[in-house]
Amino acid sequence: MNWRQVERKLRKINYTKGERSKERIIYNCPCPDKSHPVGVGLHPSQEAYPHDYKRKLGPHLDDF
């Protein structure tokens, strides 16, 4: 899954890149995937969204 696809899915739930709150803690993407450069991809924390949504985003969300 490339980063553009991830962003498209995040946009559907009104995610704003760089937003920080108790419900949506944002981390630098730690995945080794070459689809987006190191330190560029931002993913929601595991606490932020329901488990089934994380599964839709792709397996590398669970790497941290």
C-alpha atoms as a PDB file:
ATOM      1  CA  MET A   1       0.000   0.000   0.000  1.00  0.00           C
ATOM      2  CA  ASN A   2       1.547   3.283  -1.022  1.00  0.00           C
ATOM      3  CA  TRP A   3       1.355   6.441   1.071  1.00  0.00           C
ATOM      4  CA  ARG A   4      -1.173   8.092  -1.260  1.00  0.00           C
ATOM      5  CA  GLN A   5      -3.629   5.247  -0.613  1.00  0.00           C
ATOM      6  CA  VAL A   6      -3.083   5.567   3.140  1.00  0.00           C
ATOM      7  CA  GLU A   7      -3.736   9.318   2.974  1.00  0.00           C
ATOM      8  CA  ARG A   8      -6.913   8.773   0.977  1.00  0.00           C
ATOM      9  CA  LYS A   9      -8.236   6.386   3.634  1.00  0.00           C
ATOM     10  CA  LEU A  10      -7.308   8.799   6.424  1.00  0.00           C
ATOM     11  CA  ARG A  11      -9.066  11.666   4.640  1.00  0.00           C
ATOM     12  CA  LYS A  12     -12.324   9.704   4.683  1.00  0.00           C
ATOM     13  CA  ILE A  13     -12.380   9.947   8.487  1.00  0.00           C
ATOM     14  CA  ASN A  14     -11.448  13.659   8.523  1.00  0.00           C
ATOM     15  CA  TYR A  15      -7.850  13.024   9.563  1.00  0.00           C
ATOM     16  CA  THR A  16      -5.625  16.102   9.376  1.00  0.00           C
ATOM     17  CA  LYS A  17      -1.933  15.467   8.833  1.00  0.00           C
ATOM     18  CA  GLY A  18       0.052  16.460  11.921  1.00  0.00           C
ATOM     19  CA  GLU A  19      -2.990  16.728  14.173  1.00  0.00           C
ATOM     20  CA  ARG A  20      -2.240  15.865  17.798  1.00  0.00           C
ATOM     21  CA  SER A  21      -4.824  15.151  20.457  1.00  0.00           C
ATOM     22  CA  LYS A  22      -5.593  12.518  23.087  1.00  0.00           C
ATOM     23  CA  GLU A  23      -7.731  10.616  20.596  1.00  0.00           C
ATOM     24  CA  ARG A  24      -5.313  10.887  17.695  1.00  0.00           C
ATOM     25  CA  ILE A  25      -1.652  10.597  18.638  1.00  0.00           C
ATOM     26  CA  ILE A  26       0.510  10.841  15.523  1.00  0.00           C
ATOM     27  CA  TYR A  27       3.865   9.101  15.154  1.00  0.00           C
ATOM     28  CA  ASN A  28       6.503   9.098  12.429  1.00  0.00           C
ATOM     29  CA  CYS A  29       5.943   5.984  10.397  1.00  0.00           C
ATOM     30  CA  PRO A  30       8.435   3.338  11.561  1.00  0.00           C
ATOM     31  CA  CYS A  31       7.699   0.834   8.813  1.00  0.00           C
ATOM     32  CA  PRO A  32      10.523  -0.199   6.464  1.00  0.00           C
ATOM     33  CA  ASP A  33       8.181   0.068   3.477  1.00  0.00           C
ATOM     34  CA  LYS A  34       9.779   1.975   0.572  1.00  0.00           C
ATOM     35  CA  SER A  35       6.413   3.390  -0.511  1.00  0.00           C
ATOM     36  CA  HIS A  36       7.052   6.569   1.471  1.00  0.00           C
ATOM     37  CA  PRO A  37      10.391   8.089   2.599  1.00  0.00           C
ATOM     38  CA  VAL A  38      11.672   7.564   6.139  1.00  0.00           C
ATOM     39  CA  GLY A  39      10.244  10.128   8.541  1.00  0.00           C
ATOM     40  CA  VAL A  40       7.587  11.294   6.117  1.00  0.00           C
ATOM     41  CA  GLY A  41       4.662   8.940   6.584  1.00  0.00           C
ATOM     42  CA  LEU A  42       2.485   9.649   9.615  1.00  0.00           C
ATOM     43  CA  HIS A  43       0.103   7.054  10.936  1.00  0.00           C
ATOM     44  CA  PRO A  44      -2.498   7.180  13.712  1.00  0.00           C
ATOM     45  CA  SER A  45      -1.616   5.369  16.925  1.00  0.00           C
ATOM     46  CA  GLN A  46      -3.119   1.985  17.689  1.00  0.00           C
ATOM     47  CA  GLU A  47      -5.385   3.539  20.336  1.00  0.00           C
ATOM     48  CA  ALA A  48      -6.854   6.042  17.908  1.00  0.00           C
ATOM     49  CA  TYR A  49      -9.008   3.863  15.674  1.00  0.00           C
ATOM     50  CA  PRO A  50     -11.029   0.642  15.827  1.00  0.00           C
ATOM     51  CA  HIS A  51      -9.172  -2.572  15.074  1.00  0.00           C
ATOM     52  CA  ASP A  52     -11.019  -3.229  11.816  1.00  0.00           C
ATOM     53  CA  TYR A  53     -10.013   0.197  10.480  1.00  0.00           C
ATOM     54  CA  LYS A  54      -6.351  -0.505  11.205  1.00  0.00           C
ATOM     55  CA  ARG A  55      -6.640  -3.760   9.294  1.00  0.00           C
ATOM     56  CA  LYS A  56      -7.931  -1.855   6.257  1.00  0.00           C
ATOM     57  CA  LEU A  57      -4.982   0.546   6.376  1.00  0.00           C
ATOM     58  CA  GLY A  58      -2.454  -2.266   5.983  1.00  0.00           C
ATOM     59  CA  PRO A  59      -0.241  -4.565   8.030  1.00  0.00           C
ATOM     60  CA  HIS A  60       2.593  -2.080   8.604  1.00  0.00           C
ATOM     61  CA  LEU A  61       0.406  -0.050  10.970  1.00  0.00           C
ATOM     62  CA  ASP A  62       1.011  -2.725  13.609  1.00  0.00           C
ATOM     63  CA  ASP A  63       4.812  -2.598  13.356  1.00  0.00           C
ATOM     64  CA  PHE A  64       5.206  -0.270  16.346  1.00  0.00           C
END
